[in-house]
Every structure is written in structure tokens, then in C-alpha cells.
C-alpha atoms as a PDB file:
ATOM      1  CA  MET A   1     -18.531  51.960 112.583  1.00  0.00           C
ATOM      2  CA  SER A   2     -17.689  55.528 112.700  1.00  0.00           C
ATOM      3  CA  ALA A   3     -20.385  58.202 111.978  1.00  0.00           C
ATOM      4  CA  PRO A   4     -20.847  58.509 108.568  1.00  0.00           C
ATOM      5  CA  THR A   5     -19.580  61.578 106.724  1.00  0.00           C
ATOM      6  CA  PRO A   6     -21.821  63.611 104.449  1.00  0.00           C
ATOM      7  CA  ALA A   7     -20.555  62.343 101.358  1.00  0.00           C
ATOM      8  CA  THR A   8     -20.885  58.225 103.004  1.00  0.00           C
ATOM      9  CA  ALA A   9     -24.369  59.072 103.699  1.00  0.00           C
ATOM     10  CA  GLU A  10     -25.404  60.449 100.201  1.00  0.00           C
ATOM     11  CA  LEU A  11     -24.279  57.033  99.208  1.00  0.00           C
ATOM     12  CA  VAL A  12     -26.547  55.439 101.778  1.00  0.00           C
ATOM     13  CA  GLN A  13     -29.520  57.503 100.739  1.00  0.00           C
ATOM     14  CA  ARG A  14     -28.518  56.529  96.755  1.00  0.00           C
ATOM     15  CA  ALA A  15     -28.260  52.912  97.443  1.00  0.00           C
ATOM     16  CA  ALA A  16     -31.724  53.165  99.537  1.00  0.00           C
ATOM     17  CA  GLY A  17     -32.792  54.800  96.146  1.00  0.00           C
ATOM     18  CA  VAL A  18     -32.011  51.999  94.152  1.00  0.00           C
ATOM     19  CA  ILE A  19     -33.926  49.497  96.110  1.00  0.00           C
ATOM     20  CA  ALA A  20     -36.698  51.497  96.576  1.00  0.00           C
ATOM     21  CA  ALA A  21     -37.043  52.361  92.998  1.00  0.00           C
ATOM     22  CA  THR A  22     -36.699  48.836  91.987  1.00  0.00           C
ATOM     23  CA  HIS A  23     -39.473  47.698  94.620  1.00  0.00           C
ATOM     24  CA  ARG A  24     -42.030  50.122  93.002  1.00  0.00           C
ATOM     25  CA  GLY A  25     -41.284  48.832  89.467  1.00  0.00           C
ATOM     26  CA  ASP A  26     -39.348  52.040  88.517  1.00  0.00           C
ATOM     27  CA  LEU A  27     -36.050  50.421  86.559  1.00  0.00           C
ATOM     28  CA  ALA A  28     -35.434  53.151  85.033  1.00  0.00           C
ATOM     29  CA  GLY A  29     -34.943  55.459  88.089  1.00  0.00           C
ATOM     30  CA  ALA A  30     -32.945  52.610  89.551  1.00  0.00           C
ATOM     31  CA  GLU A  31     -30.757  52.525  86.691  1.00  0.00           C
ATOM     32  CA  GLU A  32     -30.269  56.418  86.863  1.00  0.00           C
ATOM     33  CA  LEU A  33     -29.357  56.027  90.384  1.00  0.00           C
ATOM     34  CA  LEU A  34     -27.125  53.530  89.779  1.00  0.00           C
ATOM     35  CA  ALA A  35     -25.583  55.347  87.168  1.00  0.00           C
ATOM     36  CA  ALA A  36     -25.207  58.521  89.387  1.00  0.00           C
ATOM     37  CA  PHE A  37     -22.690  56.538  91.584  1.00  0.00           C
ATOM     38  CA  PRO A  38     -19.298  58.104  91.389  1.00  0.00           C
ATOM     39  CA  GLY A  39     -17.473  54.384  90.758  1.00  0.00           C
ATOM     40  CA  GLU A  40     -17.745  50.931  91.769  1.00  0.00           C
ATOM     41  CA  GLN A  41     -15.912  51.495  95.109  1.00  0.00           C
ATOM     42  CA  ALA A  42     -18.571  54.502  96.015  1.00  0.00           C
ATOM     43  CA  LYS A  43     -21.427  51.832  94.950  1.00  0.00           C
ATOM     44  CA  THR A  44     -19.842  49.062  97.099  1.00  0.00           C
ATOM     45  CA  LEU A  45     -19.671  51.364  99.910  1.00  0.00           C
ATOM     46  CA  GLY A  46     -22.886  52.747  99.843  1.00  0.00           C
ATOM     47  CA  PHE A  47     -24.755  49.266  99.427  1.00  0.00           C
ATOM     48  CA  TYR A  48     -22.237  47.882 102.161  1.00  0.00           C
ATOM     49  CA  LEU A  49     -23.054  50.817 104.887  1.00  0.00           C
ATOM     50  CA  LEU A  50     -26.942  50.128 103.816  1.00  0.00           C
ATOM     51  CA  ALA A  51     -27.104  46.499 104.493  1.00  0.00           C
ATOM     52  CA  ASP A  52     -25.052  47.190 107.795  1.00  0.00           C
ATOM     53  CA  LEU A  53     -27.657  49.797 108.894  1.00  0.00           C
ATOM     54  CA  ALA A  54     -30.271  47.645 107.684  1.00  0.00           C
ATOM     55  CA  LEU A  55     -29.225  44.428 109.812  1.00  0.00           C
ATOM     56  CA  GLY A  56     -28.660  46.866 112.986  1.00  0.00           C
ATOM     57  CA  LEU A  57     -32.236  47.621 112.768  1.00  0.00           C
ATOM     58  CA  VAL A  58     -33.491  44.116 112.471  1.00  0.00           C
ATOM     59  CA  ARG A  59     -30.820  43.238 115.188  1.00  0.00           C
ATOM     60  CA  ALA A  60     -31.979  46.140 117.680  1.00  0.00           C
ATOM     61  CA  GLY A  61     -35.715  45.272 116.857  1.00  0.00           C
ATOM     62  CA  SER A  62     -35.476  41.145 117.273  1.00  0.00           C
ATOM     63  CA  GLY A  63     -32.962  41.168 120.007  1.00  0.00           C
ATOM     64  CA  GLN A  64     -31.014  38.482 117.737  1.00  0.00           C
ATOM     65  CA  SER A  65     -27.054  38.543 117.622  1.00  0.00           C
ATOM     66  CA  MET A  66     -25.700  39.726 114.544  1.00  0.00           C
ATOM     67  CA  ASP A  67     -24.294  35.963 113.843  1.00  0.00           C
ATOM     68  CA  ASP A  68     -27.399  34.305 114.240  1.00  0.00           C
ATOM     69  CA  LEU A  69     -29.074  37.323 111.915  1.00  0.00           C
ATOM     70  CA  VAL A  70     -26.122  36.922 109.562  1.00  0.00           C
ATOM     71  CA  ARG A  71     -27.006  33.028 109.316  1.00  0.00           C
ATOM     72  CA  GLU A  72     -30.362  33.313 108.920  1.00  0.00           C
ATOM     73  CA  LEU A  73     -29.766  35.537 106.118  1.00  0.00           C
ATOM     74  CA  SER A  74     -27.392  33.002 104.543  1.00  0.00           C
ATOM     75  CA  LEU A  75     -29.981  30.382 104.741  1.00  0.00           C
ATOM     76  CA  LEU A  76     -32.720  32.365 102.961  1.00  0.00           C
ATOM     77  CA  VAL A  77     -30.284  33.244 100.272  1.00  0.00           C
ATOM     78  CA  ALA A  78     -29.750  29.629  99.792  1.00  0.00           C
ATOM     79  CA  VAL A  79     -33.323  28.240  99.987  1.00  0.00           C
ATOM     80  CA  THR A  80     -34.048  31.162  97.385  1.00  0.00           C
ATOM     81  CA  ALA A  81     -31.646  30.449  95.097  1.00  0.00           C
ATOM     82  CA  GLY A  82     -32.352  26.897  95.466  1.00  0.00           C
ATOM     83  CA  GLN A  83     -28.899  25.832  96.818  1.00  0.00           C
ATOM     84  CA  PRO A  84     -28.083  23.727  99.716  1.00  0.00           C
ATOM     85  CA  PRO A  85     -27.263  25.737 102.891  1.00  0.00           C
ATOM     86  CA  PRO A  86     -23.638  27.091 103.642  1.00  0.00           C
ATOM     87  CA  ALA A  87     -21.740  24.507 105.244  1.00  0.00           C
ATOM     88  CA  GLY A  88     -21.472  24.930 108.874  1.00  0.00           C
ATOM     89  CA  ILE A  89     -24.594  27.019 109.355  1.00  0.00           C
END
């Protein structure tokens, strides 16, 4: 992935702010930050880039491959949602 531009960095920071606000119980602040995205495409890009960055940090710290991390994450999501694990995992 190429280096983020100031505009994409702002989207990532806004997405991180939404998550931080939600975790501290500031739902109004999270909603305000969500509404501040210029559109659905920008919101999607911001959260995608944040997820990519976060997974990269976990990968660097754990030494796991990205495939192993995504597999582990998929299993965790399935268990949390009360669903059977995805096929092939």
C-alpha cells in the first residue's frame, strides 16, 4: 500500500476517533464523527485503511502471517456472532 495522503490520513484518524469515542461511551461523539465523513466511500476507505494498519501492527508484534491473522479474526467473529466457522478455516 502506498503512503497515505493528508486526506486519507484524516479519514483514518476520523475512523479511529469513532472507535475511541464508542469505547469510552461517547455515542454522540461517535455519531458526530461518523456524520463528518464526506460520504460512504470516504467512510469505507477510512475504516479499511484503519483495519489494514491495525492488522499490520498486530502482525508485526506477533510475527504471524497476515493470512493466519485474518483466519484467527474470522474465527473470532464467527464465534462471537454465534455462527459456525467459515468453510475452509
